[in-house]
Amino acid sequence: MTIPGREKTLNMYCISAKMKRLITIAALALLLATTLISQPGCKKETEVPTSESNRWLELLSILPENEIALKAAFLQDNAYLEEKKQQYPQISSEYAIIRNHPLLSGSSPRAYSDEEWKETLGFVSADVDQRIYAGELPLDYYEAVRGRFSRDDVDNAAKTGPGNDMLEVVSYQGHEFYSWGGDNDINMSMRSNVRPLGRGHRLALVDDFIFWVRWTDGMKEMIDSYEDNVKSLADNEDYKLLAGGLEELDTATAFFSAESQSQSHIKEVYKDMLEEPSNERQQLFTEEVERQVRLKPYQALATGAGIDEKGYYLAIAVLNPSEEVARENATLLEQRINQSKIAMAWHSQSGDKWSDLIESMEIESKGRLTLARLYGAVVECWVNFNVMGMMGPYEPLLIHE
C-alpha cells in the first residue's frame, strides 16, 4: 500500500534529480564548447572588413572585370603618399615607389615636359593625384588618371593640339570622348613622348577622371564600368577582400592580380628562359622557381607600398581558400623570405636574399587573408609580382604549389 503524500514526494524528488542532471550536462557541454573555441586553431576568425569608402575599390570601379584586367591592375595614390610623408617627416629615406605608366609617360619618362602634356592633353603631371593602369602589353591595357583638370583646357588641347585634323568627337552613354584615327593605328608623323609610334588613342574626361586607351571598345568598357552598366574589378568578391587587406595595411599604392602564380603556370610563361637561361640573373630565376618551399595554392593577391612611424614597407595580401591555409601561408611566406633570393629586380644585386633588403617584418593571418609588412628597401619591389613584368621584372617570391 502506497501512502498518497509519500508518492507525491517521491515523484517530485525524481523530477528534481532529473532536472539537476540535465542542468549539469548542459553546463558541461557549454564549458567544453567554450574551451574548444578558445584553443589555438579552433578560433573562428572574421574577415578583414572592407569600408564603403575604400579608395582602392573606388579606383577599381573604372576597370572592366575581364581576363585582361584581372591579370594586373596597378593603382597609385600620389596625393595620399604625400600626406603620409608629411605625417612622418622623421622618415628620411627615399625610395622609388611611384612608377610611370607606359602610356601617358611614353617610351622615355625622362623626356617628360609640361609643355608637351599641356599642348597634347590639356593638363600636366602636377595636376594628377591618382594613377590607374591595367591589362598587358603590347595592345590590351587601360589607363586613367584622376586629379584636377579643366574641361576647357582638355577640350582646347584635343581640338588644337597634335592630330586635330583627324579628331572625331564620339558620344557614348551620356559622355563624350575624343578619338584620333583607327584602333591601334600607327602614325609616325605624330610620334611624341605622349604618343609613342604616333598612336591616336581615345581620351575622355569623366568627372575628375581622364580615361586614355588605344581602342574604341576599350573606352566604352571603361565608361560602362564607371556607370555600373557592366561589372568592374570593384565588383569582384576576391578583390573586395584584398582591398580591405590593403586598407588595413594602409598603402599608398596597390597591385591586384588574379593570375595564377602556381609553379606550373610560371614554368609555362617562362618556358624558353627556364630551359636555356642566358645569364646569371636568368639562372638564378630558374633556381628560385624550382625552390622546394612554396606557398599553398591561393586565389588572388595584392601588394603595395606604405609608410608609417617605422619607415617604408612593402605590403602583401594573399587571399586563401580557407583560414587554415591563410595561417599556413603566413608561416611559409616567412620561410620563403628567409631562404629565397632576388633574381631579376633591377634595384638589387642578383643573388641578394629578400631578407637582405628587409629591416623588420610583420606577418599574420586574418580570416582568409595572409598579411605582411616588410620594412626597408624591399618596398620598391611592390611592382615585381606581376607575372608578365609590365612595371618591373617578375619575382617568384609568392609562387605556390
Protein backbone atom coordinates (compact mmCIF):
# COMPACT_ATOMS: atom_id res chain seq x y z
CA MET A 1 0.00 0.00 0.00
CA THR A 2 1.42 3.40 -1.08
CA ILE A 3 0.77 6.44 1.01
CA PRO A 4 -0.52 9.25 -1.34
CA GLY A 5 1.61 12.02 0.15
CA ARG A 6 4.76 9.89 0.03
CA GLU A 7 4.14 9.03 -3.65
CA LYS A 8 3.88 12.71 -4.47
CA THR A 9 7.09 13.45 -2.62
CA LEU A 10 8.96 10.67 -4.45
CA ASN A 11 7.75 11.90 -7.82
CA MET A 12 8.91 15.44 -7.06
CA TYR A 13 12.29 14.11 -5.91
CA CYS A 14 12.71 12.16 -9.18
CA ILE A 15 11.83 15.18 -11.30
CA SER A 16 14.23 17.36 -9.31
CA ALA A 17 17.03 14.83 -9.72
CA LYS A 18 16.45 14.62 -13.47
CA MET A 19 16.49 18.39 -13.79
CA LYS A 20 19.78 18.60 -11.89
CA ARG A 21 21.34 16.03 -14.20
CA LEU A 22 20.12 17.90 -17.28
CA ILE A 23 21.43 21.20 -15.96
CA THR A 24 24.78 19.60 -15.13
CA ILE A 25 25.07 18.06 -18.60
CA ALA A 26 24.18 21.38 -20.27
CA ALA A 27 26.72 23.25 -18.17
CA LEU A 28 29.45 20.75 -19.02
CA ALA A 29 28.62 20.98 -22.72
CA LEU A 30 28.78 24.78 -22.60
CA LEU A 31 32.11 24.65 -20.75
CA LEU A 32 33.54 22.21 -23.30
CA ALA A 33 32.40 24.37 -26.21
CA THR A 34 33.91 27.48 -24.64
CA THR A 35 37.20 25.66 -24.06
CA LEU A 36 37.35 24.41 -27.64
CA ILE A 37 36.65 27.86 -29.07
CA SER A 38 39.45 29.37 -27.03
CA GLN A 39 42.01 26.84 -28.24
CA PRO A 40 44.51 27.92 -30.93
CA GLY A 41 43.43 26.60 -34.31
CA CYS A 42 39.79 26.31 -33.21
CA LYS A 43 39.07 30.01 -33.13
CA LYS A 44 36.68 31.26 -35.82
CA GLU A 45 38.32 34.33 -37.28
CA THR A 46 36.43 37.11 -39.02
CA GLU A 47 37.32 38.51 -42.41
CA VAL A 48 39.08 41.88 -42.58
CA PRO A 49 36.27 44.41 -43.12
CA THR A 50 36.16 46.50 -46.30
CA SER A 51 34.80 50.01 -45.76
CA GLU A 52 32.31 51.55 -48.17
CA SER A 53 34.77 54.41 -48.74
CA ASN A 54 37.66 52.10 -49.66
CA ARG A 55 39.69 54.17 -52.16
CA TRP A 56 41.11 51.12 -53.94
CA LEU A 57 37.60 49.89 -54.79
CA GLU A 58 36.74 53.39 -55.96
CA LEU A 59 39.64 53.30 -58.42
CA LEU A 60 38.98 49.69 -59.45
CA SER A 61 35.41 50.68 -60.36
CA ILE A 62 36.54 52.18 -63.68
CA LEU A 63 38.21 48.96 -64.84
CA PRO A 64 36.06 46.28 -66.52
CA GLU A 65 36.14 42.83 -64.95
CA ASN A 66 37.63 40.80 -67.76
CA GLU A 67 40.51 38.40 -68.28
CA ILE A 68 42.87 41.18 -69.31
CA ALA A 69 42.26 43.49 -66.36
CA LEU A 70 42.24 40.62 -63.85
CA LYS A 71 45.84 39.78 -64.75
CA ALA A 72 47.21 43.07 -63.48
CA ALA A 73 45.87 46.35 -62.09
CA PHE A 74 48.27 48.98 -60.75
CA LEU A 75 46.89 51.84 -58.67
CA GLN A 76 48.95 54.72 -57.31
CA ASP A 77 47.75 57.44 -54.94
CA ASN A 78 50.32 60.22 -55.26
CA ALA A 79 48.32 62.59 -53.06
CA TYR A 80 47.98 60.07 -50.22
CA LEU A 81 51.70 59.28 -50.33
CA GLU A 82 52.49 62.98 -49.91
CA GLU A 83 50.09 63.12 -46.94
CA LYS A 84 51.89 60.19 -45.30
CA LYS A 85 55.28 61.81 -45.89
CA GLN A 86 54.03 64.94 -44.16
CA GLN A 87 52.70 62.82 -41.30
CA TYR A 88 56.08 61.13 -40.75
CA PRO A 89 58.72 63.81 -41.51
CA GLN A 90 61.26 61.90 -39.40
CA ILE A 91 61.40 59.15 -42.06
CA SER A 92 64.22 60.47 -44.22
CA SER A 93 64.80 57.51 -46.53
CA GLU A 94 63.53 57.95 -50.07
CA TYR A 95 62.53 55.10 -52.36
CA ALA A 96 61.23 54.88 -55.93
CA ILE A 97 57.65 54.00 -55.08
CA ILE A 98 55.61 55.87 -57.69
CA ARG A 99 56.16 54.37 -61.15
CA ASN A 100 55.47 55.89 -64.54
CA HIS A 101 52.82 54.18 -66.64
CA PRO A 102 53.69 53.03 -70.17
CA LEU A 103 51.12 55.16 -71.99
CA LEU A 104 50.91 58.71 -70.68
CA SER A 105 54.58 58.67 -69.72
CA GLY A 106 55.60 57.39 -73.12
CA SER A 107 58.62 55.34 -74.02
CA SER A 108 61.00 57.71 -72.24
CA PRO A 109 59.61 59.14 -68.96
CA ARG A 110 62.75 61.25 -68.60
CA ALA A 111 61.68 63.17 -71.71
CA TYR A 112 58.53 64.42 -69.96
CA SER A 113 57.73 68.10 -70.35
CA ASP A 114 54.86 70.21 -69.06
CA GLU A 115 54.65 71.89 -72.45
CA GLU A 116 54.00 68.66 -74.36
CA TRP A 117 51.40 67.41 -71.90
CA LYS A 118 49.59 70.76 -71.82
CA GLU A 119 49.55 71.01 -75.62
CA THR A 120 48.52 67.38 -76.19
CA LEU A 121 46.35 66.58 -73.16
CA GLY A 122 45.34 69.88 -71.57
CA PHE A 123 46.91 69.16 -68.18
CA VAL A 124 50.33 68.45 -66.62
CA SER A 125 51.71 65.78 -64.34
CA ALA A 126 51.37 68.01 -61.27
CA ASP A 127 47.58 68.01 -61.79
CA VAL A 128 47.44 64.23 -61.27
CA ASP A 129 46.59 62.81 -57.82
CA GLN A 130 45.98 59.15 -58.66
CA ARG A 131 47.04 56.81 -61.47
CA ILE A 132 45.32 53.65 -62.71
CA TYR A 133 46.72 51.13 -65.15
CA ALA A 134 45.54 47.62 -66.04
CA GLY A 135 46.00 44.96 -68.69
CA GLU A 136 49.01 43.68 -70.55
CA LEU A 137 51.35 44.92 -73.24
CA PRO A 138 51.60 45.48 -76.13
CA LEU A 139 47.98 46.38 -77.01
CA ASP A 140 45.38 45.47 -74.42
CA TYR A 141 45.56 47.86 -71.49
CA TYR A 142 43.51 50.54 -69.82
CA GLU A 143 44.89 53.72 -68.33
CA ALA A 144 43.39 56.56 -66.35
CA VAL A 145 44.45 59.40 -64.11
CA ARG A 146 42.44 61.27 -61.53
CA GLY A 147 43.09 64.82 -60.48
CA ARG A 148 42.30 68.47 -61.01
CA PHE A 149 41.51 69.03 -64.68
CA SER A 150 39.91 71.85 -66.64
CA ARG A 151 37.36 70.66 -69.19
CA ASP A 152 38.03 73.74 -71.30
CA ASP A 153 41.79 73.08 -71.33
CA VAL A 154 41.33 69.40 -72.24
CA ASP A 155 38.86 70.30 -74.99
CA ASN A 156 41.16 73.00 -76.36
CA ALA A 157 44.17 70.62 -76.42
CA ALA A 158 42.18 67.96 -78.26
CA LYS A 159 40.87 70.40 -80.88
CA THR A 160 44.04 72.44 -81.46
CA GLY A 161 46.87 70.06 -80.48
CA PRO A 162 48.72 67.42 -82.50
CA GLY A 163 46.44 65.31 -84.69
CA ASN A 164 43.50 67.71 -84.53
CA ASP A 165 42.93 67.24 -88.27
CA MET A 166 41.87 63.61 -87.65
CA LEU A 167 39.95 64.26 -84.42
CA GLU A 168 36.49 62.78 -84.02
CA VAL A 169 34.24 63.52 -81.03
CA VAL A 170 32.18 60.46 -80.07
CA SER A 171 29.12 60.38 -77.80
CA TYR A 172 28.54 57.31 -75.62
CA GLN A 173 26.30 56.73 -72.59
CA GLY A 174 25.93 60.43 -71.90
CA HIS A 175 29.67 61.10 -72.18
CA GLU A 176 31.84 62.42 -74.99
CA PHE A 177 35.30 61.17 -75.82
CA TYR A 178 37.94 62.24 -78.32
CA SER A 179 39.17 59.76 -80.92
CA TRP A 180 42.17 60.02 -83.23
CA GLY A 181 42.48 57.53 -86.12
CA GLY A 182 41.67 53.82 -86.09
CA ASP A 183 42.16 51.35 -83.25
CA ASN A 184 45.88 50.99 -82.51
CA ASP A 185 46.79 52.81 -85.71
CA ILE A 186 50.42 53.91 -86.05
CA ASN A 187 51.18 57.36 -87.50
CA MET A 188 54.89 58.15 -87.43
CA SER A 189 54.27 61.84 -88.15
CA MET A 190 52.52 62.11 -84.75
CA ARG A 191 55.27 60.47 -82.70
CA SER A 192 55.87 62.09 -79.32
CA ASN A 193 56.58 61.14 -75.73
CA VAL A 194 52.84 61.07 -75.07
CA ARG A 195 52.13 59.14 -78.28
CA PRO A 196 54.92 56.61 -78.91
CA LEU A 197 54.68 55.40 -82.52
CA GLY A 198 52.14 58.17 -83.10
CA ARG A 199 49.16 56.11 -81.97
CA GLY A 200 45.99 58.17 -81.90
CA HIS A 201 44.36 56.93 -78.70
CA ARG A 202 40.97 57.82 -77.24
CA LEU A 203 40.59 60.32 -74.39
CA ALA A 204 37.62 61.07 -72.16
CA LEU A 205 37.20 63.44 -69.22
CA VAL A 206 34.63 61.75 -66.97
CA ASP A 207 34.06 63.78 -63.81
CA ASP A 208 37.57 64.01 -62.30
CA PHE A 209 38.99 61.06 -64.29
CA ILE A 210 40.87 61.11 -67.59
CA PHE A 211 40.45 57.80 -69.48
CA TRP A 212 43.18 57.11 -72.06
CA VAL A 213 43.19 53.97 -74.24
CA ARG A 214 44.17 52.87 -77.75
CA TRP A 215 40.92 51.37 -78.98
CA THR A 216 37.28 52.46 -79.06
CA ASP A 217 35.77 49.39 -77.37
CA GLY A 218 38.26 49.83 -74.53
CA MET A 219 37.00 53.37 -73.93
CA LYS A 220 33.39 52.19 -73.98
CA GLU A 221 34.23 49.43 -71.49
CA MET A 222 35.72 51.95 -69.07
CA ILE A 223 32.70 54.25 -69.34
CA ASP A 224 30.34 51.29 -68.84
CA SER A 225 32.32 50.19 -65.79
CA TYR A 226 32.23 53.68 -64.31
CA GLU A 227 28.46 53.90 -64.89
CA ASP A 228 27.84 50.41 -63.43
CA ASN A 229 26.49 49.14 -66.75
CA VAL A 230 28.90 46.20 -66.59
CA LYS A 231 30.82 44.53 -63.78
CA SER A 232 34.05 46.22 -62.77
CA LEU A 233 37.01 44.92 -60.79
CA ALA A 234 35.42 46.60 -57.76
CA ASP A 235 32.57 44.07 -58.02
CA ASN A 236 34.94 41.11 -57.80
CA GLU A 237 34.46 39.44 -54.40
CA ASP A 238 38.12 38.43 -54.11
CA TYR A 239 39.26 41.96 -54.85
CA LYS A 240 36.86 43.36 -52.25
CA LEU A 241 38.57 41.28 -49.57
CA LEU A 242 42.04 42.19 -50.85
CA ALA A 243 41.10 45.89 -50.91
CA GLY A 244 40.12 45.52 -47.26
CA GLY A 245 43.51 43.93 -46.60
CA LEU A 246 45.41 46.81 -48.23
CA GLU A 247 43.27 49.29 -46.34
CA GLU A 248 44.27 47.50 -43.13
CA LEU A 249 47.92 47.67 -44.24
CA ASP A 250 47.45 51.36 -45.14
CA THR A 251 49.22 51.53 -48.51
CA ALA A 252 49.69 54.41 -50.94
CA THR A 253 49.99 52.10 -53.96
CA ALA A 254 48.32 48.85 -54.93
CA PHE A 255 48.77 45.97 -57.34
CA PHE A 256 45.91 43.46 -57.76
CA SER A 257 46.12 40.19 -59.68
CA ALA A 258 44.06 37.04 -60.05
CA GLU A 259 46.56 35.46 -62.44
CA SER A 260 47.87 32.16 -61.15
CA GLN A 261 51.32 32.11 -59.58
CA SER A 262 51.44 28.33 -59.46
CA GLN A 263 54.77 26.78 -60.29
CA SER A 264 53.29 25.08 -63.36
CA HIS A 265 51.93 28.37 -64.74
CA ILE A 266 55.21 30.23 -64.17
CA LYS A 267 57.07 27.42 -65.93
CA GLU A 268 54.74 27.72 -68.90
CA VAL A 269 55.05 31.51 -69.14
CA TYR A 270 58.86 31.47 -68.83
CA LYS A 271 59.41 28.16 -70.58
CA ASP A 272 62.10 29.31 -73.02
CA MET A 273 64.13 31.18 -70.42
CA LEU A 274 63.91 28.37 -67.88
CA GLU A 275 65.09 25.80 -70.42
CA GLU A 276 68.03 27.91 -71.61
CA PRO A 277 68.96 30.69 -69.16
CA SER A 278 71.40 33.04 -70.89
CA ASN A 279 72.88 34.95 -67.95
CA GLU A 280 73.38 34.89 -64.19
CA ARG A 281 70.05 36.51 -63.38
CA GLN A 282 68.11 34.08 -65.55
CA GLN A 283 69.95 31.15 -63.99
CA LEU A 284 69.09 32.41 -60.51
CA PHE A 285 65.47 32.92 -61.58
CA THR A 286 65.38 29.29 -62.71
CA GLU A 287 66.70 28.14 -59.34
CA GLU A 288 64.12 30.23 -57.47
CA VAL A 289 61.23 28.79 -59.49
CA GLU A 290 62.44 25.31 -58.52
CA ARG A 291 62.93 26.14 -54.82
CA GLN A 292 61.18 23.48 -52.75
CA VAL A 293 59.45 25.65 -50.16
CA ARG A 294 56.38 27.14 -51.87
CA LEU A 295 53.14 28.67 -50.67
CA LYS A 296 49.94 26.67 -50.64
CA PRO A 297 47.57 27.48 -53.55
CA TYR A 298 45.69 30.75 -53.12
CA GLN A 299 43.08 32.66 -55.14
CA ALA A 300 44.43 36.16 -55.70
CA LEU A 301 46.95 38.63 -54.33
CA ALA A 302 47.56 42.32 -53.77
CA THR A 303 50.72 44.21 -52.92
CA GLY A 304 51.51 47.84 -52.22
CA ALA A 305 53.85 50.34 -50.62
CA GLY A 306 53.26 52.27 -47.43
CA ILE A 307 54.92 54.40 -44.78
CA ASP A 308 54.41 54.66 -41.02
CA GLU A 309 56.40 55.62 -37.93
CA LYS A 310 58.80 52.69 -38.55
CA GLY A 311 59.58 53.61 -42.15
CA TYR A 312 58.68 52.47 -45.66
CA TYR A 313 57.30 48.97 -46.14
CA LEU A 314 56.19 46.51 -48.78
CA ALA A 315 52.67 45.27 -48.06
CA ILE A 316 51.45 41.84 -49.16
CA ALA A 317 47.89 40.50 -49.00
CA VAL A 318 47.19 36.95 -50.18
CA LEU A 319 43.61 35.63 -50.37
CA ASN A 320 43.42 31.96 -49.46
CA PRO A 321 40.63 29.37 -49.80
CA SER A 322 40.36 28.94 -46.00
CA GLU A 323 41.55 30.37 -42.70
CA GLU A 324 43.69 27.29 -42.16
CA VAL A 325 45.57 27.87 -45.43
CA ALA A 326 45.95 31.57 -44.51
CA ARG A 327 47.71 30.59 -41.29
CA GLU A 328 49.86 28.03 -43.10
CA ASN A 329 50.87 30.54 -45.78
CA ALA A 330 51.89 33.04 -43.11
CA THR A 331 54.46 30.50 -41.90
CA LEU A 332 55.54 29.53 -45.41
CA LEU A 333 55.90 33.15 -46.51
CA GLU A 334 58.33 33.84 -43.70
CA GLN A 335 60.31 30.75 -44.69
CA ARG A 336 60.45 31.86 -48.33
CA ILE A 337 61.58 35.36 -47.35
CA ASN A 338 64.42 33.93 -45.26
CA GLN A 339 65.52 31.44 -47.92
CA SER A 340 64.75 32.98 -51.33
CA LYS A 341 66.96 35.22 -53.43
CA ILE A 342 66.09 38.14 -55.70
CA ALA A 343 66.84 37.32 -59.31
CA MET A 344 65.54 39.95 -61.69
CA ALA A 345 64.59 43.19 -59.88
CA TRP A 346 66.79 45.95 -61.29
CA HIS A 347 67.22 47.80 -57.97
CA SER A 348 69.02 44.90 -56.28
CA GLN A 349 72.13 42.88 -56.88
CA SER A 350 71.44 39.48 -58.39
CA GLY A 351 71.71 36.95 -55.60
CA ASP A 352 70.63 39.24 -52.77
CA LYS A 353 68.38 37.47 -50.32
CA TRP A 354 65.00 39.03 -49.77
CA SER A 355 65.94 39.24 -46.10
CA ASP A 356 68.94 41.44 -47.05
CA LEU A 357 66.52 44.19 -48.10
CA ILE A 358 64.27 43.83 -45.04
CA GLU A 359 64.94 45.63 -41.75
CA SER A 360 61.97 44.05 -39.94
CA MET A 361 58.76 42.27 -40.83
CA GLU A 362 55.27 41.54 -39.53
CA ILE A 363 53.37 38.55 -40.92
CA GLU A 364 49.96 37.36 -39.75
CA SER A 365 46.69 35.86 -40.93
CA LYS A 366 43.26 37.44 -40.56
CA GLY A 367 40.34 35.40 -41.75
CA ARG A 368 41.30 34.06 -45.18
CA LEU A 369 43.96 36.73 -45.71
CA THR A 370 47.69 36.33 -45.18
CA LEU A 371 49.02 39.84 -44.47
CA ALA A 372 52.59 41.09 -44.31
CA ARG A 373 54.53 44.31 -43.79
CA LEU A 374 58.18 44.10 -44.85
CA TYR A 375 60.14 47.21 -43.86
CA GLY A 376 63.14 48.56 -45.74
CA ALA A 377 64.42 48.89 -49.31
CA VAL A 378 62.21 45.94 -50.27
CA VAL A 379 59.36 48.48 -50.56
CA GLU A 380 60.44 49.15 -54.15
CA CYS A 381 59.50 45.58 -55.07
CA TRP A 382 55.75 46.17 -54.79
CA VAL A 383 55.54 46.14 -58.62
CA ASN A 384 57.52 42.93 -59.08
CA PHE A 385 54.74 40.37 -58.63
CA ASN A 386 53.04 40.82 -61.99
CA VAL A 387 53.75 37.60 -63.92
CA MET A 388 54.21 39.45 -67.23
CA GLY A 389 56.54 42.01 -65.62
CA MET A 390 54.95 45.19 -67.01
CA MET A 391 56.09 47.62 -64.32
CA GLY A 392 59.19 45.68 -63.36
CA PRO A 393 60.74 42.21 -63.73
CA TYR A 394 58.71 39.40 -62.19
CA GLU A 395 60.00 37.87 -58.95
CA PRO A 396 58.67 34.43 -57.88
CA LEU A 397 58.65 35.10 -54.11
CA LEU A 398 54.90 34.38 -53.92
CA ILE A 399 54.96 31.27 -56.16
CA HIS A 400 52.69 28.49 -54.92
CA GLU A 401 52.28 24.75 -55.42
